[in-house]
Amino acid sequence: MKLQQGQTWKCAENYVRIVKLERLEVGYKTYKSLTGDAGQHGHTSKKDFCRMLKGATLLTGNADLLAA
């Protein structure tokens, strides 16, 4: 999987957005819904982040974001 800064993923009932992507670490923010700004920041290794995204769906474009 190719990670890029700004990507939004749907994991179960949460959404995860990549805020800062570095060589070995990922800064991310989790949301309950895409309409609000309230979310929690997290920071983990790239390997653990990929494990967290296992089974998640990458949201691409405005159609996916509005449908969610």
Protein backbone atom coordinates (compact mmCIF):
# COMPACT_ATOMS: atom_id res chain seq x y z
CA MET A 1 0.00 0.00 0.00
CA LYS A 2 1.25 3.46 -0.88
CA LEU A 3 0.77 5.95 1.94
CA GLN A 4 0.53 9.66 1.21
CA GLN A 5 0.01 12.67 3.41
CA GLY A 6 -3.63 13.76 3.45
CA GLN A 7 -5.13 10.34 2.74
CA THR A 8 -8.33 9.44 4.60
CA TRP A 9 -9.10 5.84 5.52
CA LYS A 10 -12.33 4.27 6.84
CA CYS A 11 -11.51 1.83 9.66
CA ALA A 12 -14.64 0.13 11.05
CA GLU A 13 -16.71 3.08 12.38
CA ASN A 14 -13.78 5.55 12.57
CA TYR A 15 -11.97 7.64 9.98
CA VAL A 16 -8.19 8.06 10.00
CA ARG A 17 -6.40 10.89 8.18
CA ILE A 18 -2.64 11.00 7.66
CA VAL A 19 -1.45 14.36 8.96
CA LYS A 20 2.32 13.96 8.75
CA LEU A 21 4.16 11.24 6.89
CA GLU A 22 7.84 10.73 7.59
CA ARG A 23 10.30 8.03 6.61
CA LEU A 24 9.62 5.74 9.58
CA GLU A 25 6.78 7.44 11.46
CA VAL A 26 3.22 8.55 10.78
CA GLY A 27 1.25 11.31 12.46
CA TYR A 28 -2.49 10.75 12.13
CA LYS A 29 -5.84 11.99 13.40
CA THR A 30 -8.89 9.81 14.10
CA TYR A 31 -12.46 11.05 13.67
CA LYS A 32 -15.87 9.62 14.49
CA SER A 33 -17.37 11.46 11.50
CA LEU A 34 -15.97 13.48 8.64
CA THR A 35 -18.24 16.47 9.25
CA GLY A 36 -16.66 17.59 12.54
CA ASP A 37 -13.23 18.83 13.50
CA ALA A 38 -13.12 16.98 16.81
CA GLY A 39 -10.59 14.18 16.67
CA GLN A 40 -7.63 12.70 18.45
CA HIS A 41 -4.05 12.96 17.27
CA GLY A 42 -1.81 9.93 17.25
CA HIS A 43 1.77 9.14 16.34
CA THR A 44 3.16 5.68 15.57
CA SER A 45 5.62 3.80 13.41
CA LYS A 46 4.81 3.19 9.77
CA LYS A 47 4.72 -0.55 10.37
CA ASP A 48 2.17 -0.27 13.19
CA PHE A 49 0.11 2.19 11.16
CA CYS A 50 -0.11 -0.25 8.25
CA ARG A 51 -1.22 -2.96 10.68
CA MET A 52 -3.89 -0.60 12.00
CA LEU A 53 -5.15 -0.01 8.45
CA LYS A 54 -5.43 -3.71 7.64
CA GLY A 55 -8.93 -4.22 6.24
CA ALA A 56 -9.54 -0.44 5.97
CA THR A 57 -10.87 1.33 2.89
CA LEU A 58 -9.11 4.28 1.29
CA LEU A 59 -11.53 7.13 0.58
CA THR A 60 -10.73 8.81 -2.72
CA GLY A 61 -12.33 11.96 -4.04
CA ASN A 62 -15.31 13.99 -2.89
CA ALA A 63 -17.91 11.37 -3.81
CA ASP A 64 -16.59 8.93 -1.18
CA LEU A 65 -16.23 11.63 1.45
CA LEU A 66 -19.78 12.90 0.99
CA ALA A 67 -21.30 9.41 0.87
CA ALA A 68 -19.73 8.42 4.20
